[in-house]
Amino acid sequence: MGWYCVFLENTRIAKAISVTFRSMLMGVYQDKGQPIDCHVYYRKGGGGHYYYFSPAAANILGAFMKFWEGYEVSEPTNLQRMEIVI
């Protein structure tokens, strides 16, 4: 698997959805034993919230990511400017 992104559109309830997404993400990550190579990054902009799943995270958290309609993307070039979620 390559890099994947989950985009949460900026709506009236976007902040609540993003908080829910993070809570669920952390729960699944903990259930999987907190794998050390599982990295998820976050940035806000362009009309919403973007969560980028590294290839290992996409593999480990695949069912969660698919539930939130994740889609394949190129490796982000600005990871150092993103917030590290996991």
PDB file of N, CA and C in Angstrom:
ATOM      1  N   MET A   1       0.839  -1.186   0.000  1.00  0.00           N
ATOM      2  CA  MET A   1       0.000   0.000   0.000  1.00  0.00           C
ATOM      3  C   MET A   1       0.881   1.245   0.000  1.00  0.00           C
ATOM      4  N   GLY A   2       0.401   2.286  -0.652  1.00  0.00           N
ATOM      5  CA  GLY A   2       1.094   3.562  -0.647  1.00  0.00           C
ATOM      6  C   GLY A   2       0.511   4.491   0.408  1.00  0.00           C
ATOM      7  N   TRP A   3       0.681   5.764   0.206  1.00  0.00           N
ATOM      8  CA  TRP A   3       0.131   6.778   1.101  1.00  0.00           C
ATOM      9  C   TRP A   3      -1.352   6.947   0.822  1.00  0.00           C
ATOM     10  N   TYR A   4      -2.114   7.221   1.892  1.00  0.00           N
ATOM     11  CA  TYR A   4      -3.552   7.444   1.767  1.00  0.00           C
ATOM     12  C   TYR A   4      -3.933   8.708   2.525  1.00  0.00           C
ATOM     13  N   CYS A   5      -5.051   9.285   2.123  1.00  0.00           N
ATOM     14  CA  CYS A   5      -5.557  10.504   2.757  1.00  0.00           C
ATOM     15  C   CYS A   5      -7.026  10.321   3.090  1.00  0.00           C
ATOM     16  N   VAL A   6      -7.416  10.814   4.237  1.00  0.00           N
ATOM     17  CA  VAL A   6      -8.832  10.940   4.597  1.00  0.00           C
ATOM     18  C   VAL A   6      -9.103  12.432   4.670  1.00  0.00           C
ATOM     19  N   PHE A   7     -10.061  12.883   3.870  1.00  0.00           N
ATOM     20  CA  PHE A   7     -10.432  14.298   3.825  1.00  0.00           C
ATOM     21  C   PHE A   7     -11.770  14.473   4.513  1.00  0.00           C
ATOM     22  N   LEU A   8     -11.808  15.387   5.477  1.00  0.00           N
ATOM     23  CA  LEU A   8     -13.055  15.722   6.164  1.00  0.00           C
ATOM     24  C   LEU A   8     -13.421  17.142   5.749  1.00  0.00           C
ATOM     25  N   GLU A   9     -14.492  17.259   5.004  1.00  0.00           N
ATOM     26  CA  GLU A   9     -14.897  18.551   4.460  1.00  0.00           C
ATOM     27  C   GLU A   9     -15.212  19.550   5.566  1.00  0.00           C
ATOM     28  N   ASN A  10     -14.875  20.796   5.295  1.00  0.00           N
ATOM     29  CA  ASN A  10     -15.114  21.877   6.249  1.00  0.00           C
ATOM     30  C   ASN A  10     -16.591  22.257   6.206  1.00  0.00           C
ATOM     31  N   THR A  11     -17.351  21.702   7.135  1.00  0.00           N
ATOM     32  CA  THR A  11     -18.772  22.012   7.258  1.00  0.00           C
ATOM     33  C   THR A  11     -19.001  22.655   8.624  1.00  0.00           C
ATOM     34  N   ARG A  12     -20.235  22.932   8.903  1.00  0.00           N
ATOM     35  CA  ARG A  12     -20.587  23.544  10.194  1.00  0.00           C
ATOM     36  C   ARG A  12     -20.151  22.678  11.366  1.00  0.00           C
ATOM     37  N   ILE A  13     -20.127  21.379  11.181  1.00  0.00           N
ATOM     38  CA  ILE A  13     -19.765  20.462  12.278  1.00  0.00           C
ATOM     39  C   ILE A  13     -18.395  19.801  12.057  1.00  0.00           C
ATOM     40  N   ALA A  14     -17.585  20.383  11.199  1.00  0.00           N
ATOM     41  CA  ALA A  14     -16.290  19.783  10.848  1.00  0.00           C
ATOM     42  C   ALA A  14     -15.395  19.566  12.066  1.00  0.00           C
ATOM     43  N   LYS A  15     -15.370  20.519  12.975  1.00  0.00           N
ATOM     44  CA  LYS A  15     -14.502  20.373  14.149  1.00  0.00           C
ATOM     45  C   LYS A  15     -14.930  19.167  14.983  1.00  0.00           C
ATOM     46  N   ALA A  16     -16.218  19.003  15.180  1.00  0.00           N
ATOM     47  CA  ALA A  16     -16.718  17.857  15.948  1.00  0.00           C
ATOM     48  C   ALA A  16     -16.403  16.543  15.237  1.00  0.00           C
ATOM     49  N   ILE A  17     -16.524  16.532  13.923  1.00  0.00           N
ATOM     50  CA  ILE A  17     -16.213  15.328  13.159  1.00  0.00           C
ATOM     51  C   ILE A  17     -14.724  15.009  13.270  1.00  0.00           C
ATOM     52  N   SER A  18     -13.876  16.027  13.190  1.00  0.00           N
ATOM     53  CA  SER A  18     -12.440  15.825  13.293  1.00  0.00           C
ATOM     54  C   SER A  18     -12.052  15.281  14.677  1.00  0.00           C
ATOM     55  N   VAL A  19     -12.676  15.805  15.718  1.00  0.00           N
ATOM     56  CA  VAL A  19     -12.412  15.322  17.082  1.00  0.00           C
ATOM     57  C   VAL A  19     -12.850  13.862  17.202  1.00  0.00           C
ATOM     58  N   THR A  20     -14.006  13.532  16.655  1.00  0.00           N
ATOM     59  CA  THR A  20     -14.501  12.158  16.671  1.00  0.00           C
ATOM     60  C   THR A  20     -13.561  11.242  15.898  1.00  0.00           C
ATOM     61  N   PHE A  21     -13.126  11.701  14.725  1.00  0.00           N
ATOM     62  CA  PHE A  21     -12.197  10.936  13.902  1.00  0.00           C
ATOM     63  C   PHE A  21     -10.925  10.619  14.693  1.00  0.00           C
ATOM     64  N   ARG A  22     -10.355  11.629  15.333  1.00  0.00           N
ATOM     65  CA  ARG A  22      -9.116  11.430  16.106  1.00  0.00           C
ATOM     66  C   ARG A  22      -9.325  10.455  17.265  1.00  0.00           C
ATOM     67  N   SER A  23     -10.438  10.583  17.951  1.00  0.00           N
ATOM     68  CA  SER A  23     -10.718   9.673  19.073  1.00  0.00           C
ATOM     69  C   SER A  23     -10.824   8.231  18.592  1.00  0.00           C
ATOM     70  N   MET A  24     -11.531   8.037  17.495  1.00  0.00           N
ATOM     71  CA  MET A  24     -11.674   6.697  16.944  1.00  0.00           C
ATOM     72  C   MET A  24     -10.326   6.180  16.441  1.00  0.00           C
ATOM     73  N   LEU A  25      -9.568   7.044  15.787  1.00  0.00           N
ATOM     74  CA  LEU A  25      -8.244   6.671  15.279  1.00  0.00           C
ATOM     75  C   LEU A  25      -7.340   6.202  16.410  1.00  0.00           C
ATOM     76  N   MET A  26      -7.305   6.956  17.496  1.00  0.00           N
ATOM     77  CA  MET A  26      -6.455   6.583  18.633  1.00  0.00           C
ATOM     78  C   MET A  26      -6.918   5.265  19.249  1.00  0.00           C
ATOM     79  N   GLY A  27      -8.223   5.048  19.302  1.00  0.00           N
ATOM     80  CA  GLY A  27      -8.743   3.786  19.840  1.00  0.00           C
ATOM     81  C   GLY A  27      -8.310   2.591  19.007  1.00  0.00           C
ATOM     82  N   VAL A  28      -8.409   2.714  17.696  1.00  0.00           N
ATOM     83  CA  VAL A  28      -8.001   1.622  16.803  1.00  0.00           C
ATOM     84  C   VAL A  28      -6.489   1.409  16.899  1.00  0.00           C
ATOM     85  N   TYR A  29      -5.736   2.497  16.924  1.00  0.00           N
ATOM     86  CA  TYR A  29      -4.271   2.425  17.043  1.00  0.00           C
ATOM     87  C   TYR A  29      -3.873   1.697  18.330  1.00  0.00           C
ATOM     88  N   GLN A  30      -4.526   2.014  19.424  1.00  0.00           N
ATOM     89  CA  GLN A  30      -4.235   1.341  20.695  1.00  0.00           C
ATOM     90  C   GLN A  30      -4.638  -0.131  20.642  1.00  0.00           C
ATOM     91  N   ASP A  31      -5.781  -0.415  20.022  1.00  0.00           N
ATOM     92  CA  ASP A  31      -6.224  -1.804  19.878  1.00  0.00           C
ATOM     93  C   ASP A  31      -5.239  -2.637  19.065  1.00  0.00           C
ATOM     94  N   LYS A  32      -4.537  -1.998  18.138  1.00  0.00           N
ATOM     95  CA  LYS A  32      -3.556  -2.692  17.298  1.00  0.00           C
ATOM     96  C   LYS A  32      -2.195  -2.806  17.977  1.00  0.00           C
ATOM     97  N   GLY A  33      -2.091  -2.356  19.222  1.00  0.00           N
ATOM     98  CA  GLY A  33      -0.851  -2.477  19.982  1.00  0.00           C
ATOM     99  C   GLY A  33       0.125  -1.329  19.779  1.00  0.00           C
ATOM    100  N   GLN A  34      -0.340  -0.203  19.282  1.00  0.00           N
ATOM    101  CA  GLN A  34       0.465   1.004  19.068  1.00  0.00           C
ATOM    102  C   GLN A  34       1.741   0.705  18.277  1.00  0.00           C
ATOM    103  N   PRO A  35       1.601   0.174  17.056  1.00  0.00           N
ATOM    104  CA  PRO A  35       2.782  -0.155  16.253  1.00  0.00           C
ATOM    105  C   PRO A  35       3.677   1.069  16.039  1.00  0.00           C
ATOM    106  N   ILE A  36       4.964   0.875  16.186  1.00  0.00           N
ATOM    107  CA  ILE A  36       5.925   1.974  16.161  1.00  0.00           C
ATOM    108  C   ILE A  36       6.048   2.630  14.782  1.00  0.00           C
ATOM    109  N   ASP A  37       5.824   1.891  13.709  1.00  0.00           N
ATOM    110  CA  ASP A  37       5.986   2.445  12.365  1.00  0.00           C
ATOM    111  C   ASP A  37       4.683   2.973  11.762  1.00  0.00           C
ATOM    112  N   CYS A  38       3.669   3.121  12.566  1.00  0.00           N
ATOM    113  CA  CYS A  38       2.342   3.562  12.139  1.00  0.00           C
ATOM    114  C   CYS A  38       2.251   5.083  12.316  1.00  0.00           C
ATOM    115  N   HIS A  39       2.340   5.828  11.210  1.00  0.00           N
ATOM    116  CA  HIS A  39       2.362   7.292  11.287  1.00  0.00           C
ATOM    117  C   HIS A  39       1.182   7.914  10.538  1.00  0.00           C
ATOM    118  N   VAL A  40       0.514   8.856  11.200  1.00  0.00           N
ATOM    119  CA  VAL A  40      -0.588   9.610  10.595  1.00  0.00           C
ATOM    120  C   VAL A  40      -0.301  11.085  10.825  1.00  0.00           C
ATOM    121  N   TYR A  41      -0.452  11.880   9.779  1.00  0.00           N
ATOM    122  CA  TYR A  41      -0.170  13.316   9.812  1.00  0.00           C
ATOM    123  C   TYR A  41      -1.440  14.093   9.501  1.00  0.00           C
ATOM    124  N   TYR A  42      -1.478  15.326   9.974  1.00  0.00           N
ATOM    125  CA  TYR A  42      -2.677  16.157   9.810  1.00  0.00           C
ATOM    126  C   TYR A  42      -2.316  17.563   9.326  1.00  0.00           C
ATOM    127  N   ARG A  43      -3.167  18.090   8.469  1.00  0.00           N
ATOM    128  CA  ARG A  43      -3.092  19.500   8.106  1.00  0.00           C
ATOM    129  C   ARG A  43      -4.500  19.989   7.814  1.00  0.00           C
ATOM    130  N   LYS A  44      -4.727  21.257   8.106  1.00  0.00           N
ATOM    131  CA  LYS A  44      -6.009  21.889   7.817  1.00  0.00           C
ATOM    132  C   LYS A  44      -5.786  22.861   6.670  1.00  0.00           C
ATOM    133  N   GLY A  45      -6.765  22.951   5.796  1.00  0.00           N
ATOM    134  CA  GLY A  45      -6.675  23.886   4.690  1.00  0.00           C
ATOM    135  C   GLY A  45      -7.441  23.385   3.487  1.00  0.00           C
ATOM    136  N   GLY A  46      -7.587  24.254   2.512  1.00  0.00           N
ATOM    137  CA  GLY A  46      -8.245  23.847   1.277  1.00  0.00           C
ATOM    138  C   GLY A  46      -9.662  23.347   1.470  1.00  0.00           C
ATOM    139  N   GLY A  47     -10.371  23.910   2.421  1.00  0.00           N
ATOM    140  CA  GLY A  47     -11.764  23.536   2.621  1.00  0.00           C
ATOM    141  C   GLY A  47     -12.008  22.368   3.550  1.00  0.00           C
ATOM    142  N   GLY A  48     -11.001  21.981   4.336  1.00  0.00           N
ATOM    143  CA  GLY A  48     -11.256  20.882   5.244  1.00  0.00           C
ATOM    144  C   GLY A  48     -10.045  20.425   6.023  1.00  0.00           C
ATOM    145  N   HIS A  49     -10.155  19.228   6.541  1.00  0.00           N
ATOM    146  CA  HIS A  49      -9.136  18.596   7.371  1.00  0.00           C
ATOM    147  C   HIS A  49      -8.589  17.400   6.604  1.00  0.00           C
ATOM    148  N   TYR A  50      -7.262  17.307   6.518  1.00  0.00           N
ATOM    149  CA  TYR A  50      -6.596  16.234   5.789  1.00  0.00           C
ATOM    150  C   TYR A  50      -5.782  15.386   6.760  1.00  0.00           C
ATOM    151  N   TYR A  51      -5.998  14.082   6.710  1.00  0.00           N
ATOM    152  CA  TYR A  51      -5.238  13.130   7.508  1.00  0.00           C
ATOM    153  C   TYR A  51      -4.502  12.207   6.542  1.00  0.00           C
ATOM    154  N   TYR A  52      -3.174  12.185   6.626  1.00  0.00           N
ATOM    155  CA  TYR A  52      -2.341  11.394   5.734  1.00  0.00           C
ATOM    156  C   TYR A  52      -1.809  10.168   6.469  1.00  0.00           C
ATOM    157  N   PHE A  53      -2.038   9.012   5.892  1.00  0.00           N
ATOM    158  CA  PHE A  53      -1.629   7.738   6.457  1.00  0.00           C
ATOM    159  C   PHE A  53      -0.398   7.235   5.709  1.00  0.00           C
ATOM    160  N   SER A  54       0.692   7.015   6.444  1.00  0.00           N
ATOM    161  CA  SER A  54       1.889   6.437   5.838  1.00  0.00           C
ATOM    162  C   SER A  54       1.535   5.039   5.321  1.00  0.00           C
ATOM    163  N   PRO A  55       2.374   4.469   4.448  1.00  0.00           N
ATOM    164  CA  PRO A  55       2.070   3.119   3.959  1.00  0.00           C
ATOM    165  C   PRO A  55       1.853   2.096   5.078  1.00  0.00           C
ATOM    166  N   ALA A  56       2.673   2.144   6.126  1.00  0.00           N
ATOM    167  CA  ALA A  56       2.483   1.198   7.239  1.00  0.00           C
ATOM    168  C   ALA A  56       1.162   1.454   7.956  1.00  0.00           C
ATOM    169  N   ALA A  57       0.826   2.728   8.165  1.00  0.00           N
ATOM    170  CA  ALA A  57      -0.447   3.058   8.823  1.00  0.00           C
ATOM    171  C   ALA A  57      -1.630   2.636   7.953  1.00  0.00           C
ATOM    172  N   ALA A  58      -1.509   2.842   6.642  1.00  0.00           N
ATOM    173  CA  ALA A  58      -2.586   2.441   5.733  1.00  0.00           C
ATOM    174  C   ALA A  58      -2.797   0.926   5.793  1.00  0.00           C
ATOM    175  N   ASN A  59      -1.722   0.190   5.936  1.00  0.00           N
ATOM    176  CA  ASN A  59      -1.815  -1.261   6.036  1.00  0.00           C
ATOM    177  C   ASN A  59      -2.407  -1.689   7.383  1.00  0.00           C
ATOM    178  N   ILE A  60      -1.899  -1.123   8.453  1.00  0.00           N
ATOM    179  CA  ILE A  60      -2.326  -1.507   9.807  1.00  0.00           C
ATOM    180  C   ILE A  60      -3.744  -1.021  10.114  1.00  0.00           C
ATOM    181  N   LEU A  61      -4.052   0.188   9.679  1.00  0.00           N
ATOM    182  CA  LEU A  61      -5.349   0.818   9.989  1.00  0.00           C
ATOM    183  C   LEU A  61      -6.271   0.844   8.772  1.00  0.00           C
ATOM    184  N   GLY A  62      -6.044  -0.082   7.845  1.00  0.00           N
ATOM    185  CA  GLY A  62      -6.769  -0.096   6.577  1.00  0.00           C
ATOM    186  C   GLY A  62      -8.287  -0.094   6.709  1.00  0.00           C
ATOM    187  N   ALA A  63      -8.839  -0.913   7.572  1.00  0.00           N
ATOM    188  CA  ALA A  63     -10.295  -0.983   7.713  1.00  0.00           C
ATOM    189  C   ALA A  63     -10.850   0.348   8.219  1.00  0.00           C
ATOM    190  N   PHE A  64     -10.161   0.942   9.190  1.00  0.00           N
ATOM    191  CA  PHE A  64     -10.581   2.247   9.717  1.00  0.00           C
ATOM    192  C   PHE A  64     -10.529   3.300   8.616  1.00  0.00           C
ATOM    193  N   MET A  65      -9.423   3.322   7.899  1.00  0.00           N
ATOM    194  CA  MET A  65      -9.219   4.317   6.848  1.00  0.00           C
ATOM    195  C   MET A  65     -10.275   4.154   5.745  1.00  0.00           C
ATOM    196  N   LYS A  66     -10.576   2.943   5.364  1.00  0.00           N
ATOM    197  CA  LYS A  66     -11.581   2.705   4.323  1.00  0.00           C
ATOM    198  C   LYS A  66     -12.969   3.132   4.793  1.00  0.00           C
ATOM    199  N   PHE A  67     -13.270   2.915   6.085  1.00  0.00           N
ATOM    200  CA  PHE A  67     -14.552   3.346   6.642  1.00  0.00           C
ATOM    201  C   PHE A  67     -14.745   4.845   6.436  1.00  0.00           C
ATOM    202  N   TRP A  68     -13.642   5.609   6.587  1.00  0.00           N
ATOM    203  CA  TRP A  68     -13.685   7.061   6.427  1.00  0.00           C
ATOM    204  C   TRP A  68     -13.399   7.483   4.986  1.00  0.00           C
ATOM    205  N   GLU A  69     -13.463   6.548   4.059  1.00  0.00           N
ATOM    206  CA  GLU A  69     -13.320   6.795   2.623  1.00  0.00           C
ATOM    207  C   GLU A  69     -11.961   7.382   2.246  1.00  0.00           C
ATOM    208  N   GLY A  70     -10.909   6.781   2.781  1.00  0.00           N
ATOM    209  CA  GLY A  70      -9.555   7.189   2.428  1.00  0.00           C
ATOM    210  C   GLY A  70      -9.259   6.870   0.975  1.00  0.00           C
ATOM    211  N   TYR A  71      -8.407   7.663   0.376  1.00  0.00           N
ATOM    212  CA  TYR A  71      -8.037   7.472  -1.029  1.00  0.00           C
ATOM    213  C   TYR A  71      -6.526   7.598  -1.168  1.00  0.00           C
ATOM    214  N   GLU A  72      -5.993   6.907  -2.175  1.00  0.00           N
ATOM    215  CA  GLU A  72      -4.543   6.875  -2.368  1.00  0.00           C
ATOM    216  C   GLU A  72      -4.048   8.218  -2.898  1.00  0.00           C
ATOM    217  N   VAL A  73      -2.893   8.642  -2.380  1.00  0.00           N
ATOM    218  CA  VAL A  73      -2.262   9.903  -2.790  1.00  0.00           C
ATOM    219  C   VAL A  73      -0.761   9.674  -2.935  1.00  0.00           C
ATOM    220  N   SER A  74      -0.094  10.640  -3.544  1.00  0.00           N
ATOM    221  CA  SER A  74       1.369  10.624  -3.577  1.00  0.00           C
ATOM    222  C   SER A  74       1.880  10.965  -2.184  1.00  0.00           C
ATOM    223  N   GLU A  75       3.106  10.553  -1.905  1.00  0.00           N
ATOM    224  CA  GLU A  75       3.687  10.884  -0.606  1.00  0.00           C
ATOM    225  C   GLU A  75       3.748  12.401  -0.447  1.00  0.00           C
ATOM    226  N   PRO A  76       3.187  12.936   0.644  1.00  0.00           N
ATOM    227  CA  PRO A  76       3.229  14.390   0.857  1.00  0.00           C
ATOM    228  C   PRO A  76       4.669  14.887   0.942  1.00  0.00           C
ATOM    229  N   THR A  77       4.915  16.051   0.375  1.00  0.00           N
ATOM    230  CA  THR A  77       6.265  16.615   0.370  1.00  0.00           C
ATOM    231  C   THR A  77       6.504  17.556   1.543  1.00  0.00           C
ATOM    232  N   ASN A  78       5.469  17.843   2.313  1.00  0.00           N
ATOM    233  CA  ASN A  78       5.592  18.808   3.405  1.00  0.00           C
ATOM    234  C   ASN A  78       5.271  18.199   4.773  1.00  0.00           C
ATOM    235  N   LEU A  79       5.671  16.976   5.003  1.00  0.00           N
ATOM    236  CA  LEU A  79       5.366  16.303   6.271  1.00  0.00           C
ATOM    237  C   LEU A  79       5.923  17.053   7.469  1.00  0.00           C
ATOM    238  N   GLN A  80       7.077  17.687   7.319  1.00  0.00           N
ATOM    239  CA  GLN A  80       7.700  18.394   8.439  1.00  0.00           C
ATOM    240  C   GLN A  80       6.855  19.581   8.899  1.00  0.00           C
ATOM    241  N   ARG A  81       5.922  20.050   8.077  1.00  0.00           N
ATOM    242  CA  ARG A  81       5.058  21.169   8.466  1.00  0.00           C
ATOM    243  C   ARG A  81       3.685  20.711   8.936  1.00  0.00           C
ATOM    244  N   MET A  82       3.477  19.412   8.960  1.00  0.00           N
ATOM    245  CA  MET A  82       2.191  18.873   9.399  1.00  0.00           C
ATOM    246  C   MET A  82       2.256  18.445  10.857  1.00  0.00           C
ATOM    247  N   GLU A  83       1.099  18.405  11.466  1.00  0.00           N
ATOM    248  CA  GLU A  83       0.985  17.901  12.832  1.00  0.00           C
ATOM    249  C   GLU A  83       1.066  16.388  12.793  1.00  0.00           C
ATOM    250  N   ILE A  84       1.819  15.801  13.703  1.00  0.00           N
ATOM    251  CA  ILE A  84       1.892  14.347  13.822  1.00  0.00           C
ATOM    252  C   ILE A  84       0.787  13.912  14.773  1.00  0.00           C
ATOM    253  N   VAL A  85      -0.145  13.110  14.257  1.00  0.00           N
ATOM    254  CA  VAL A  85      -1.248  12.595  15.071  1.00  0.00           C
ATOM    255  C   VAL A  85      -0.805  11.322  15.770  1.00  0.00           C
ATOM    256  N   ILE A  86      -0.169  10.444  15.013  1.00  0.00           N
ATOM    257  CA  ILE A  86       0.389   9.201  15.547  1.00  0.00           C
ATOM    258  C   ILE A  86       1.810   9.102  15.041  1.00  0.00           C
TER     259      ILE A  86
END
